Amino acid sequence: MAEKGAAAMVSAEEFLAYYLGWAAPARRAYAAGAAVRLPAAAATSGRVVVCGMGGSGAAGDYVETLSRTYGGSAVTVVKGPRVPAWAGPGDLVVAVSFSGNTRETLECAAQALSMGAGLVAVTTGGRLAELARRWGSQLIVVGEAPAPRAGWPQLFYSIAGMLQANGLLSLPVWDVEESLGLLEAERGRIEEEARRLAEWLVEASRVQIVAAEPLYPAAVRLRSELAENSKLASAASMLPEAGHNELEAWAALGGSIDMLVLDPGVEPWSSLLREAVGLVGPRRLYRVEAFGETLLQKLVWLTWLAGVASVKAAVMRGVDPYGLSAVKGFRRVVEAATPWGSGEPRAPSA
């Protein structure tokens, strides 16, 4: 399926087909990111800030987790309008907005310049691309998609490729290639797993997503995909952290909770997840064992599954997976209530 502009209306079938065809835009995005060469002064401190909202911000969650696991720069993810007060010369700020018009991200980009940090804009176009060109900042223009959330591979792979190529993220090239190959070769597997998960979700009420700590970005992404595509509320948590607090409430609620477990299929994580579920005694349980050999591959697989299953669940529930009336309404509130996104670099407000 050809990539479409984010504003184009699409059917549920077209939306699903785009998710299933992630391989091609992912490979193009990785190549585009890997071709970027940052100025010598960029990220000399070893610190990277990724600013983005919604699905754009989620790309930063993955990069942060992969940096902690594989090695690389210290990554901070900002999901709001303020760059950290410590950011300055030698730090790199990656402003990510699929549409290019997210006001919080535009505000972060302007602040980054005011604070003397290096700036890379990642977007399909819009105001962010316009401002990056005017400011002379590095710009990565990614391919469009039917909706920003469906464009996760464009954002993630372009950022990962850019950081990897510039020595800021220690991802092995072979591992990235294996993850791209997974998207190309496993369409049948993902469709079957997504169908089973969607059928479980149709009967779900109070959904608690629980992931092993390395897989937590995928749990957050699944929560967002269920909210936007399936119009289904859920919560996302990780072990072992939840075992020190939330587990007590889950156990008290017991039979009223539907638990969706993201298991990497390795120890000690599988045992921790299994024992936690036993202590809760949920009403219903669905366990997903992540496919792939490495953390990167498992995260890509689970993210793909989240998108495909959430669209299938929407169709089964009789809801429109494409429309976002409440989210768009809130964006109008943000535009009316804040001065963010003027595009003029200035000192950050107190």
C-alpha atoms as a PDB file:
ATOM      1  CA  MET A   1       0.000   0.000   0.000  1.00  0.00           C
ATOM      2  CA  ALA A   2       1.331   3.442  -0.880  1.00  0.00           C
ATOM      3  CA  GLU A   3       2.000   5.836   1.951  1.00  0.00           C
ATOM      4  CA  LYS A   4      -0.658   8.499   2.383  1.00  0.00           C
ATOM      5  CA  GLY A   5      -0.789  11.953   3.860  1.00  0.00           C
ATOM      6  CA  ALA A   6      -1.752  12.029   7.510  1.00  0.00           C
ATOM      7  CA  ALA A   7      -4.871  14.069   6.683  1.00  0.00           C
ATOM      8  CA  ALA A   8      -6.294  11.548   4.212  1.00  0.00           C
ATOM      9  CA  MET A   9      -9.338   9.575   5.377  1.00  0.00           C
ATOM     10  CA  VAL A  10      -8.813   5.835   5.184  1.00  0.00           C
ATOM     11  CA  SER A  11     -10.976   2.791   5.782  1.00  0.00           C
ATOM     12  CA  ALA A  12     -10.258   0.305   8.551  1.00  0.00           C
ATOM     13  CA  GLU A  13      -9.027  -2.140   5.906  1.00  0.00           C
ATOM     14  CA  GLU A  14      -6.569   0.398   4.484  1.00  0.00           C
ATOM     15  CA  PHE A  15      -5.425   1.343   7.974  1.00  0.00           C
ATOM     16  CA  LEU A  16      -4.755  -2.303   8.823  1.00  0.00           C
ATOM     17  CA  ALA A  17      -2.933  -2.852   5.525  1.00  0.00           C
ATOM     18  CA  TYR A  18      -0.594   0.015   6.330  1.00  0.00           C
ATOM     19  CA  TYR A  19       0.334  -1.477   9.699  1.00  0.00           C
ATOM     20  CA  LEU A  20       0.961  -4.842   8.056  1.00  0.00           C
ATOM     21  CA  GLY A  21       3.219  -3.167   5.493  1.00  0.00           C
ATOM     22  CA  TRP A  22       5.581  -1.519   7.988  1.00  0.00           C
ATOM     23  CA  ALA A  23       8.667  -3.175   6.501  1.00  0.00           C
ATOM     24  CA  ALA A  24       9.125  -0.794   3.558  1.00  0.00           C
ATOM     25  CA  PRO A  25       8.770   2.534   5.428  1.00  0.00           C
ATOM     26  CA  ALA A  26      10.938   1.165   8.256  1.00  0.00           C
ATOM     27  CA  ARG A  27      13.787   0.304   5.906  1.00  0.00           C
ATOM     28  CA  ARG A  28      13.607   3.683   4.150  1.00  0.00           C
ATOM     29  CA  ALA A  29      13.599   5.490   7.491  1.00  0.00           C
ATOM     30  CA  TYR A  30      16.620   3.603   8.772  1.00  0.00           C
ATOM     31  CA  ALA A  31      18.582   4.412   5.620  1.00  0.00           C
ATOM     32  CA  ALA A  32      17.630   8.101   5.876  1.00  0.00           C
ATOM     33  CA  GLY A  33      18.652   8.308   9.527  1.00  0.00           C
ATOM     34  CA  ALA A  34      21.922   6.461   8.965  1.00  0.00           C
ATOM     35  CA  ALA A  35      22.851   8.938   6.206  1.00  0.00           C
ATOM     36  CA  VAL A  36      22.775  11.899   8.621  1.00  0.00           C
ATOM     37  CA  ARG A  37      26.107  13.240   9.832  1.00  0.00           C
ATOM     38  CA  LEU A  38      25.849  15.529  12.824  1.00  0.00           C
ATOM     39  CA  PRO A  39      28.167  18.517  13.339  1.00  0.00           C
ATOM     40  CA  ALA A  40      31.270  17.743  15.362  1.00  0.00           C
ATOM     41  CA  ALA A  41      29.955  19.865  18.253  1.00  0.00           C
ATOM     42  CA  ALA A  42      26.734  17.858  18.608  1.00  0.00           C
ATOM     43  CA  ALA A  43      26.246  15.702  21.703  1.00  0.00           C
ATOM     44  CA  THR A  44      29.823  16.097  22.938  1.00  0.00           C
ATOM     45  CA  SER A  45      28.417  15.857  26.474  1.00  0.00           C
ATOM     46  CA  GLY A  46      27.057  12.390  25.722  1.00  0.00           C
ATOM     47  CA  ARG A  47      23.515  13.551  26.514  1.00  0.00           C
ATOM     48  CA  VAL A  48      20.531  13.304  24.172  1.00  0.00           C
ATOM     49  CA  VAL A  49      17.042  14.678  24.800  1.00  0.00           C
ATOM     50  CA  VAL A  50      14.135  13.350  22.722  1.00  0.00           C
ATOM     51  CA  CYS A  51      11.068  15.627  22.779  1.00  0.00           C
ATOM     52  CA  GLY A  52       7.731  14.406  21.451  1.00  0.00           C
ATOM     53  CA  MET A  53       4.105  13.792  22.312  1.00  0.00           C
ATOM     54  CA  GLY A  54       1.972  10.677  21.821  1.00  0.00           C
ATOM     55  CA  GLY A  55       3.340   8.278  19.247  1.00  0.00           C
ATOM     56  CA  SER A  56       6.200  10.656  18.479  1.00  0.00           C
ATOM     57  CA  GLY A  57       7.303  10.660  22.101  1.00  0.00           C
ATOM     58  CA  ALA A  58       7.003   6.878  22.204  1.00  0.00           C
ATOM     59  CA  ALA A  59       9.889   6.624  19.736  1.00  0.00           C
ATOM     60  CA  GLY A  60      12.046   8.246  22.401  1.00  0.00           C
ATOM     61  CA  ASP A  61      11.023   5.629  24.979  1.00  0.00           C
ATOM     62  CA  TYR A  62      12.454   2.897  22.783  1.00  0.00           C
ATOM     63  CA  VAL A  63      15.707   4.749  22.148  1.00  0.00           C
ATOM     64  CA  GLU A  64      16.144   5.387  25.868  1.00  0.00           C
ATOM     65  CA  THR A  65      15.654   1.711  26.723  1.00  0.00           C
ATOM     66  CA  LEU A  66      17.965   0.532  23.946  1.00  0.00           C
ATOM     67  CA  SER A  67      20.675   2.982  25.016  1.00  0.00           C
ATOM     68  CA  ARG A  68      20.554   1.647  28.571  1.00  0.00           C
ATOM     69  CA  THR A  69      20.728  -1.935  27.318  1.00  0.00           C
ATOM     70  CA  TYR A  70      23.129  -1.743  24.361  1.00  0.00           C
ATOM     71  CA  GLY A  71      25.134   1.319  25.375  1.00  0.00           C
ATOM     72  CA  GLY A  72      25.393   4.838  24.048  1.00  0.00           C
ATOM     73  CA  SER A  73      24.471   8.331  25.112  1.00  0.00           C
ATOM     74  CA  ALA A  74      22.357   9.077  28.152  1.00  0.00           C
ATOM     75  CA  VAL A  75      18.853   9.628  26.742  1.00  0.00           C
ATOM     76  CA  THR A  76      16.144  11.704  28.419  1.00  0.00           C
ATOM     77  CA  VAL A  77      12.603  11.658  27.010  1.00  0.00           C
ATOM     78  CA  VAL A  78      10.419  14.771  27.341  1.00  0.00           C
ATOM     79  CA  LYS A  79       6.659  14.541  26.773  1.00  0.00           C
ATOM     80  CA  GLY A  80       5.764  18.145  27.328  1.00  0.00           C
ATOM     81  CA  PRO A  81       6.797  21.686  26.359  1.00  0.00           C
ATOM     82  CA  ARG A  82       9.950  22.081  28.487  1.00  0.00           C
ATOM     83  CA  VAL A  83      13.499  21.047  27.698  1.00  0.00           C
ATOM     84  CA  PRO A  84      15.413  20.042  30.874  1.00  0.00           C
ATOM     85  CA  ALA A  85      17.052  23.021  32.560  1.00  0.00           C
ATOM     86  CA  TRP A  86      20.475  21.365  32.323  1.00  0.00           C
ATOM     87  CA  ALA A  87      20.415  21.187  28.506  1.00  0.00           C
ATOM     88  CA  GLY A  88      22.891  23.420  26.722  1.00  0.00           C
ATOM     89  CA  PRO A  89      25.953  23.464  24.456  1.00  0.00           C
ATOM     90  CA  GLY A  90      27.197  19.952  23.734  1.00  0.00           C
ATOM     91  CA  ASP A  91      23.778  18.375  24.295  1.00  0.00           C
ATOM     92  CA  LEU A  92      21.602  17.142  21.437  1.00  0.00           C
ATOM     93  CA  VAL A  93      17.839  17.727  21.385  1.00  0.00           C
ATOM     94  CA  VAL A  94      15.815  15.608  18.947  1.00  0.00           C
ATOM     95  CA  ALA A  95      12.419  17.240  18.359  1.00  0.00           C
ATOM     96  CA  VAL A  96       9.989  14.627  17.028  1.00  0.00           C
ATOM     97  CA  SER A  97       6.574  15.511  15.617  1.00  0.00           C
ATOM     98  CA  PHE A  98       5.069  13.371  12.888  1.00  0.00           C
ATOM     99  CA  SER A  99       2.775  16.155  11.692  1.00  0.00           C
ATOM    100  CA  GLY A 100       5.313  18.877  12.392  1.00  0.00           C
ATOM    101  CA  ASN A 101       2.658  20.963  14.124  1.00  0.00           C
ATOM    102  CA  THR A 102       2.661  19.644  17.704  1.00  0.00           C
ATOM    103  CA  ARG A 103       2.818  22.772  19.807  1.00  0.00           C
ATOM    104  CA  GLU A 104       4.597  21.236  22.793  1.00  0.00           C
ATOM    105  CA  THR A 105       7.354  19.923  20.527  1.00  0.00           C
ATOM    106  CA  LEU A 106       7.687  23.221  18.683  1.00  0.00           C
ATOM    107  CA  GLU A 107       8.163  24.869  22.070  1.00  0.00           C
ATOM    108  CA  CYS A 108      10.905  22.384  22.977  1.00  0.00           C
ATOM    109  CA  ALA A 109      12.683  22.985  19.680  1.00  0.00           C
ATOM    110  CA  ALA A 110      12.720  26.744  20.213  1.00  0.00           C
ATOM    111  CA  GLN A 111      13.950  26.299  23.786  1.00  0.00           C
ATOM    112  CA  ALA A 112      16.751  23.995  22.636  1.00  0.00           C
ATOM    113  CA  LEU A 113      18.111  26.724  20.382  1.00  0.00           C
ATOM    114  CA  SER A 114      17.744  29.359  23.094  1.00  0.00           C
ATOM    115  CA  MET A 115      19.763  27.169  25.463  1.00  0.00           C
ATOM    116  CA  GLY A 116      22.521  26.562  22.937  1.00  0.00           C
ATOM    117  CA  ALA A 117      21.848  22.859  22.425  1.00  0.00           C
ATOM    118  CA  GLY A 118      22.155  21.123  19.082  1.00  0.00           C
ATOM    119  CA  LEU A 119      18.825  20.425  17.395  1.00  0.00           C
ATOM    120  CA  VAL A 120      17.619  17.692  15.053  1.00  0.00           C
ATOM    121  CA  ALA A 121      14.007  17.887  13.831  1.00  0.00           C
ATOM    122  CA  VAL A 122      12.285  14.637  12.797  1.00  0.00           C
ATOM    123  CA  THR A 123       8.976  15.146  10.990  1.00  0.00           C
ATOM    124  CA  THR A 124       6.974  14.718   7.802  1.00  0.00           C
ATOM    125  CA  GLY A 125       6.884  18.488   7.347  1.00  0.00           C
ATOM    126  CA  GLY A 126       4.641  21.155   8.827  1.00  0.00           C
ATOM    127  CA  ARG A 127       5.785  24.012  11.019  1.00  0.00           C
ATOM    128  CA  LEU A 128       8.679  22.061  12.542  1.00  0.00           C
ATOM    129  CA  ALA A 129      10.286  21.426   9.146  1.00  0.00           C
ATOM    130  CA  GLU A 130       9.745  25.050   8.165  1.00  0.00           C
ATOM    131  CA  LEU A 131      11.383  26.328  11.338  1.00  0.00           C
ATOM    132  CA  ALA A 132      14.282  23.861  11.204  1.00  0.00           C
ATOM    133  CA  ARG A 133      15.116  25.065   7.705  1.00  0.00           C
ATOM    134  CA  ARG A 134      14.880  28.699   8.796  1.00  0.00           C
ATOM    135  CA  TRP A 135      17.044  28.070  11.845  1.00  0.00           C
ATOM    136  CA  GLY A 136      19.610  26.066   9.874  1.00  0.00           C
ATOM    137  CA  SER A 137      19.066  23.017  12.087  1.00  0.00           C
ATOM    138  CA  GLN A 138      19.457  19.406  11.071  1.00  0.00           C
ATOM    139  CA  LEU A 139      16.231  18.043   9.543  1.00  0.00           C
ATOM    140  CA  ILE A 140      15.125  14.455   8.872  1.00  0.00           C
ATOM    141  CA  VAL A 141      11.972  14.351   6.743  1.00  0.00           C
ATOM    142  CA  VAL A 142      10.229  10.998   7.145  1.00  0.00           C
ATOM    143  CA  GLY A 143       7.602   9.328   4.970  1.00  0.00           C
ATOM    144  CA  GLU A 144       3.939   9.976   5.676  1.00  0.00           C
ATOM    145  CA  ALA A 145       1.355   7.494   6.955  1.00  0.00           C
ATOM    146  CA  PRO A 146      -2.444   7.356   7.291  1.00  0.00           C
ATOM    147  CA  ALA A 147      -2.122   8.675  10.864  1.00  0.00           C
ATOM    148  CA  PRO A 148       0.841   9.647  13.075  1.00  0.00           C
ATOM    149  CA  ARG A 149       0.512   6.589  15.302  1.00  0.00           C
ATOM    150  CA  ALA A 150       0.854   4.304  12.276  1.00  0.00           C
ATOM    151  CA  GLY A 151       4.139   6.033  11.439  1.00  0.00           C
ATOM    152  CA  TRP A 152       6.069   4.577  14.382  1.00  0.00           C
ATOM    153  CA  PRO A 153       8.652   2.791  12.168  1.00  0.00           C
ATOM    154  CA  GLN A 154       9.462   6.012  10.312  1.00  0.00           C
ATOM    155  CA  LEU A 155      10.164   7.851  13.559  1.00  0.00           C
ATOM    156  CA  PHE A 156      11.909   5.097  15.494  1.00  0.00           C
ATOM    157  CA  TYR A 157      14.161   3.808  12.733  1.00  0.00           C
ATOM    158  CA  SER A 158      15.189   7.271  11.522  1.00  0.00           C
ATOM    159  CA  ILE A 159      16.197   8.330  15.060  1.00  0.00           C
ATOM    160  CA  ALA A 160      17.917   5.019  15.803  1.00  0.00           C
ATOM    161  CA  GLY A 161      19.790   5.141  12.496  1.00  0.00           C
ATOM    162  CA  MET A 162      20.911   8.723  13.045  1.00  0.00           C
ATOM    163  CA  LEU A 163      22.151   8.084  16.596  1.00  0.00           C
ATOM    164  CA  GLN A 164      23.817   4.812  15.598  1.00  0.00           C
ATOM    165  CA  ALA A 165      25.632   6.360  12.613  1.00  0.00           C
ATOM    166  CA  ASN A 166      26.994   9.151  14.793  1.00  0.00           C
ATOM    167  CA  GLY A 167      28.251   6.946  17.603  1.00  0.00           C
ATOM    168  CA  LEU A 168      25.497   7.909  20.052  1.00  0.00           C
ATOM    169  CA  LEU A 169      23.707   4.540  20.166  1.00  0.00           C
ATOM    170  CA  SER A 170      25.570   1.229  20.179  1.00  0.00           C
ATOM    171  CA  LEU A 171      23.081  -0.862  18.213  1.00  0.00           C
ATOM    172  CA  PRO A 172      24.749  -3.589  16.122  1.00  0.00           C
ATOM    173  CA  VAL A 173      23.948  -3.163  12.435  1.00  0.00           C
ATOM    174  CA  TRP A 174      23.163  -6.887  12.136  1.00  0.00           C
ATOM    175  CA  ASP A 175      20.549  -6.575  14.905  1.00  0.00           C
ATOM    176  CA  VAL A 176      18.822  -3.696  13.145  1.00  0.00           C
ATOM    177  CA  GLU A 177      18.848  -5.691   9.910  1.00  0.00           C
ATOM    178  CA  GLU A 178      17.308  -8.687  11.685  1.00  0.00           C
ATOM    179  CA  SER A 179      14.538  -6.488  13.092  1.00  0.00           C
ATOM    180  CA  LEU A 180      13.803  -5.124   9.609  1.00  0.00           C
ATOM    181  CA  GLY A 181      13.840  -8.650   8.229  1.00  0.00           C
ATOM    182  CA  LEU A 182      11.292  -9.646  10.862  1.00  0.00           C
ATOM    183  CA  LEU A 183       8.882  -7.011   9.517  1.00  0.00           C
ATOM    184  CA  GLU A 184       9.432  -8.357   6.019  1.00  0.00           C
ATOM    185  CA  ALA A 185       9.179 -12.085   6.716  1.00  0.00           C
ATOM    186  CA  GLU A 186       6.680 -12.540   9.553  1.00  0.00           C
ATOM    187  CA  ARG A 187       3.474 -11.002   8.247  1.00  0.00           C
ATOM    188  CA  GLY A 188       1.576 -14.269   8.495  1.00  0.00           C
ATOM    189  CA  ARG A 189       2.736 -14.840  12.079  1.00  0.00           C
ATOM    190  CA  ILE A 190       1.791 -11.320  13.187  1.00  0.00           C
ATOM    191  CA  GLU A 191      -1.667 -11.554  11.603  1.00  0.00           C
ATOM    192  CA  GLU A 192      -2.451 -14.803  13.402  1.00  0.00           C
ATOM    193  CA  GLU A 193      -1.187 -13.601  16.792  1.00  0.00           C
ATOM    194  CA  ALA A 194      -3.013 -10.280  16.344  1.00  0.00           C
ATOM    195  CA  ARG A 195      -6.261 -12.068  15.543  1.00  0.00           C
ATOM    196  CA  ARG A 196      -6.062 -14.138  18.738  1.00  0.00           C
ATOM    197  CA  LEU A 197      -5.211 -11.112  20.854  1.00  0.00           C
ATOM    198  CA  ALA A 198      -7.997  -9.042  19.291  1.00  0.00           C
ATOM    199  CA  GLU A 199     -10.538 -11.765  20.046  1.00  0.00           C
ATOM    200  CA  TRP A 200      -9.415 -11.712  23.685  1.00  0.00           C
ATOM    201  CA  LEU A 201      -9.591  -7.910  23.820  1.00  0.00           C
ATOM    202  CA  VAL A 202     -13.179  -7.848  22.558  1.00  0.00           C
ATOM    203  CA  GLU A 203     -14.264  -9.555  25.787  1.00  0.00           C
ATOM    204  CA  ALA A 204     -11.990  -7.484  28.036  1.00  0.00           C
ATOM    205  CA  SER A 205     -13.181  -4.955  30.584  1.00  0.00           C
ATOM    206  CA  ARG A 206     -10.506  -3.717  32.998  1.00  0.00           C
ATOM    207  CA  VAL A 207      -7.225  -4.397  31.160  1.00  0.00           C
ATOM    208  CA  GLN A 208      -3.957  -4.332  33.057  1.00  0.00           C
ATOM    209  CA  ILE A 209      -0.905  -4.650  30.801  1.00  0.00           C
ATOM    210  CA  VAL A 210       2.114  -6.017  32.652  1.00  0.00           C
ATOM    211  CA  ALA A 211       5.537  -6.205  31.024  1.00  0.00           C
ATOM    212  CA  ALA A 212       8.979  -7.298  32.068  1.00  0.00           C
ATOM    213  CA  GLU A 213      10.989  -4.111  32.622  1.00  0.00           C
ATOM    214  CA  PRO A 214      12.974  -4.261  29.327  1.00  0.00           C
ATOM    215  CA  LEU A 215       9.709  -4.486  27.381  1.00  0.00           C
ATOM    216  CA  TYR A 216       7.993  -1.571  29.120  1.00  0.00           C
ATOM    217  CA  PRO A 217       8.105   0.782  26.085  1.00  0.00           C
ATOM    218  CA  ALA A 218       6.029  -1.790  24.189  1.00  0.00           C
ATOM    219  CA  ALA A 219       3.506  -1.937  27.058  1.00  0.00           C
ATOM    220  CA  VAL A 220       3.078   1.847  26.946  1.00  0.00           C
ATOM    221  CA  ARG A 221       2.760   1.721  23.183  1.00  0.00           C
ATOM    222  CA  LEU A 222       0.116  -1.029  23.444  1.00  0.00           C
ATOM    223  CA  ARG A 223      -1.843   1.062  25.937  1.00  0.00           C
ATOM    224  CA  SER A 224      -1.799   4.000  23.514  1.00  0.00           C
ATOM    225  CA  GLU A 225      -2.768   1.885  20.499  1.00  0.00           C
ATOM    226  CA  LEU A 226      -5.697   0.365  22.396  1.00  0.00           C
ATOM    227  CA  ALA A 227      -6.840   3.853  23.400  1.00  0.00           C
ATOM    228  CA  GLU A 228      -6.570   5.440  19.954  1.00  0.00           C
ATOM    229  CA  ASN A 229      -7.480   2.564  17.665  1.00  0.00           C
ATOM    230  CA  SER A 230      -9.734   0.315  19.788  1.00  0.00           C
ATOM    231  CA  LYS A 231     -11.146   3.083  22.072  1.00  0.00           C
ATOM    232  CA  LEU A 232     -10.318   0.719  24.933  1.00  0.00           C
ATOM    233  CA  ALA A 233      -8.929   1.994  28.247  1.00  0.00           C
ATOM    234  CA  SER A 234      -6.057   0.095  29.838  1.00  0.00           C
ATOM    235  CA  ALA A 235      -3.142   0.596  32.213  1.00  0.00           C
ATOM    236  CA  ALA A 236       0.510  -0.318  31.674  1.00  0.00           C
ATOM    237  CA  SER A 237       2.975  -1.380  34.365  1.00  0.00           C
ATOM    238  CA  MET A 238       6.287  -3.191  34.610  1.00  0.00           C
ATOM    239  CA  LEU A 239       7.839  -5.773  36.875  1.00  0.00           C
ATOM    240  CA  PRO A 240       9.652  -5.815  39.201  1.00  0.00           C
ATOM    241  CA  GLU A 241       8.585  -2.231  40.046  1.00  0.00           C
ATOM    242  CA  ALA A 242       4.866  -3.028  40.185  1.00  0.00           C
ATOM    243  CA  GLY A 243       5.660  -5.854  42.579  1.00  0.00           C
ATOM    244  CA  HIS A 244       6.638  -3.246  45.153  1.00  0.00           C
ATOM    245  CA  ASN A 245       3.312  -1.352  45.067  1.00  0.00           C
ATOM    246  CA  GLU A 246       0.635  -1.977  42.411  1.00  0.00           C
ATOM    247  CA  LEU A 247       0.591  -5.734  42.932  1.00  0.00           C
ATOM    248  CA  GLU A 248      -1.210  -5.257  46.256  1.00  0.00           C
ATOM    249  CA  ALA A 249      -4.131  -3.466  44.587  1.00  0.00           C
ATOM    250  CA  TRP A 250      -4.291  -6.002  41.761  1.00  0.00           C
ATOM    251  CA  ALA A 251      -4.496  -8.821  44.287  1.00  0.00           C
ATOM    252  CA  ALA A 252      -7.276  -7.029  46.175  1.00  0.00           C
ATOM    253  CA  LEU A 253      -9.257  -6.576  42.936  1.00  0.00           C
ATOM    254  CA  GLY A 254      -8.396 -10.088  41.858  1.00  0.00           C
ATOM    255  CA  GLY A 255     -11.161 -11.546  39.737  1.00  0.00           C
ATOM    256  CA  SER A 256     -12.196  -8.227  38.206  1.00  0.00           C
ATOM    257  CA  ILE A 257      -8.918  -7.661  36.320  1.00  0.00           C
ATOM    258  CA  ASP A 258      -8.056  -8.871  32.822  1.00  0.00           C
ATOM    259  CA  MET A 259      -4.256  -9.172  32.627  1.00  0.00           C
ATOM    260  CA  LEU A 260      -2.279  -8.920  29.412  1.00  0.00           C
ATOM    261  CA  VAL A 261       1.304 -10.056  30.031  1.00  0.00           C
ATOM    262  CA  LEU A 262       4.273  -9.196  27.781  1.00  0.00           C
ATOM    263  CA  ASP A 263       6.883 -11.879  28.402  1.00  0.00           C
ATOM    264  CA  PRO A 264      10.377 -11.828  26.830  1.00  0.00           C
ATOM    265  CA  GLY A 265      10.567 -15.592  27.197  1.00  0.00           C
ATOM    266  CA  VAL A 266      13.798 -15.518  29.208  1.00  0.00           C
ATOM    267  CA  GLU A 267      14.640 -15.777  32.883  1.00  0.00           C
ATOM    268  CA  PRO A 268      14.248 -14.344  35.413  1.00  0.00           C
ATOM    269  CA  TRP A 269      11.494 -12.353  33.711  1.00  0.00           C
ATOM    270  CA  SER A 270       9.191 -15.245  32.825  1.00  0.00           C
ATOM    271  CA  SER A 271       9.230 -16.550  36.400  1.00  0.00           C
ATOM    272  CA  LEU A 272       8.590 -13.106  37.872  1.00  0.00           C
ATOM    273  CA  LEU A 273       5.618 -12.565  35.571  1.00  0.00           C
ATOM    274  CA  ARG A 274       4.206 -16.018  36.241  1.00  0.00           C
ATOM    275  CA  GLU A 275       4.455 -15.644  40.022  1.00  0.00           C
ATOM    276  CA  ALA A 276       2.903 -12.165  39.952  1.00  0.00           C
ATOM    277  CA  VAL A 277      -0.059 -13.432  37.957  1.00  0.00           C
ATOM    278  CA  GLY A 278      -0.485 -16.258  40.462  1.00  0.00           C
ATOM    279  CA  LEU A 279      -0.639 -13.781  43.342  1.00  0.00           C
ATOM    280  CA  VAL A 280      -3.300 -11.704  41.565  1.00  0.00           C
ATOM    281  CA  GLY A 281      -5.624 -14.428  40.249  1.00  0.00           C
ATOM    282  CA  PRO A 282      -6.998 -12.295  37.384  1.00  0.00           C
ATOM    283  CA  ARG A 283     -10.421 -12.785  35.827  1.00  0.00           C
ATOM    284  CA  ARG A 284      -8.815 -13.511  32.466  1.00  0.00           C
ATOM    285  CA  LEU A 285      -5.212 -13.811  31.319  1.00  0.00           C
ATOM    286  CA  TYR A 286      -3.514 -13.364  27.943  1.00  0.00           C
ATOM    287  CA  ARG A 287       0.220 -13.976  27.680  1.00  0.00           C
ATOM    288  CA  VAL A 288       2.272 -12.749  24.733  1.00  0.00           C
ATOM    289  CA  GLU A 289       5.758 -14.181  24.405  1.00  0.00           C
ATOM    290  CA  ALA A 290       7.827 -11.716  22.438  1.00  0.00           C
ATOM    291  CA  PHE A 291       9.156 -13.050  19.147  1.00  0.00           C
ATOM    292  CA  GLY A 292      12.801 -12.499  18.205  1.00  0.00           C
ATOM    293  CA  GLU A 293      16.292 -13.194  19.529  1.00  0.00           C
ATOM    294  CA  THR A 294      17.302  -9.791  20.931  1.00  0.00           C
ATOM    295  CA  LEU A 295      15.678  -6.985  22.866  1.00  0.00           C
ATOM    296  CA  LEU A 296      15.447  -4.811  19.751  1.00  0.00           C
ATOM    297  CA  GLN A 297      13.727  -7.558  17.792  1.00  0.00           C
ATOM    298  CA  LYS A 298      11.317  -8.337  20.629  1.00  0.00           C
ATOM    299  CA  LEU A 299      10.374  -4.657  21.007  1.00  0.00           C
ATOM    300  CA  VAL A 300       9.767  -4.267  17.275  1.00  0.00           C
ATOM    301  CA  TRP A 301       7.635  -7.429  17.228  1.00  0.00           C
ATOM    302  CA  LEU A 302       5.485  -6.332  20.173  1.00  0.00           C
ATOM    303  CA  THR A 303       5.031  -2.845  18.731  1.00  0.00           C
ATOM    304  CA  TRP A 304       3.909  -4.303  15.429  1.00  0.00           C
ATOM    305  CA  LEU A 305       1.537  -6.634  17.259  1.00  0.00           C
ATOM    306  CA  ALA A 306       0.068  -3.727  19.236  1.00  0.00           C
ATOM    307  CA  GLY A 307      -0.805  -1.832  16.077  1.00  0.00           C
ATOM    308  CA  VAL A 308      -2.268  -4.725  14.110  1.00  0.00           C
ATOM    309  CA  ALA A 309      -4.216  -6.214  17.043  1.00  0.00           C
ATOM    310  CA  SER A 310      -5.648  -2.846  18.097  1.00  0.00           C
ATOM    311  CA  VAL A 311      -7.065  -2.216  14.615  1.00  0.00           C
ATOM    312  CA  LYS A 312      -8.477  -5.743  14.404  1.00  0.00           C
ATOM    313  CA  ALA A 313     -10.051  -5.308  17.862  1.00  0.00           C
ATOM    314  CA  ALA A 314     -11.613  -2.022  16.763  1.00  0.00           C
ATOM    315  CA  VAL A 315     -13.244  -3.710  13.783  1.00  0.00           C
ATOM    316  CA  MET A 316     -14.526  -6.551  15.978  1.00  0.00           C
ATOM    317  CA  ARG A 317     -15.914  -4.035  18.489  1.00  0.00           C
ATOM    318  CA  GLY A 318     -17.606  -2.022  15.753  1.00  0.00           C
ATOM    319  CA  VAL A 319     -15.671   1.203  16.355  1.00  0.00           C
ATOM    320  CA  ASP A 320     -13.744   3.417  13.944  1.00  0.00           C
ATOM    321  CA  PRO A 321      -9.992   2.851  14.499  1.00  0.00           C
ATOM    322  CA  TYR A 322      -9.073   5.951  12.525  1.00  0.00           C
ATOM    323  CA  GLY A 323     -11.078   8.798  14.081  1.00  0.00           C
ATOM    324  CA  LEU A 324      -9.826  10.746  17.132  1.00  0.00           C
ATOM    325  CA  SER A 325     -12.483  13.342  17.947  1.00  0.00           C
ATOM    326  CA  ALA A 326     -11.581  13.777  21.636  1.00  0.00           C
ATOM    327  CA  VAL A 327      -7.826  13.996  20.975  1.00  0.00           C
ATOM    328  CA  LYS A 328      -8.366  16.578  18.251  1.00  0.00           C
ATOM    329  CA  GLY A 329     -10.644  18.525  20.576  1.00  0.00           C
ATOM    330  CA  PHE A 330      -7.933  18.635  23.220  1.00  0.00           C
ATOM    331  CA  ARG A 331      -5.376  19.843  20.680  1.00  0.00           C
ATOM    332  CA  ARG A 332      -7.650  22.799  19.953  1.00  0.00           C
ATOM    333  CA  VAL A 333      -7.763  23.539  23.682  1.00  0.00           C
ATOM    334  CA  VAL A 334      -3.951  23.518  23.826  1.00  0.00           C
ATOM    335  CA  GLU A 335      -3.764  25.897  20.882  1.00  0.00           C
ATOM    336  CA  ALA A 336      -6.233  28.286  22.498  1.00  0.00           C
ATOM    337  CA  ALA A 337      -4.861  28.138  26.038  1.00  0.00           C
ATOM    338  CA  THR A 338      -1.068  28.243  25.584  1.00  0.00           C
ATOM    339  CA  PRO A 339       1.532  30.425  23.881  1.00  0.00           C
ATOM    340  CA  TRP A 340       3.550  27.363  22.860  1.00  0.00           C
ATOM    341  CA  GLY A 341       4.751  26.858  19.338  1.00  0.00           C
ATOM    342  CA  SER A 342       5.469  30.418  18.272  1.00  0.00           C
ATOM    343  CA  GLY A 343       8.731  29.198  16.814  1.00  0.00           C
ATOM    344  CA  GLU A 344      10.765  32.073  18.203  1.00  0.00           C
ATOM    345  CA  PRO A 345      13.816  30.942  20.200  1.00  0.00           C
ATOM    346  CA  ARG A 346      13.888  32.633  23.576  1.00  0.00           C
ATOM    347  CA  ALA A 347      14.973  32.018  27.123  1.00  0.00           C
ATOM    348  CA  PRO A 348      12.739  29.357  28.752  1.00  0.00           C
ATOM    349  CA  SER A 349      10.172  30.725  31.196  1.00  0.00           C
ATOM    350  CA  ALA A 350      10.391  29.933  34.884  1.00  0.00           C
END
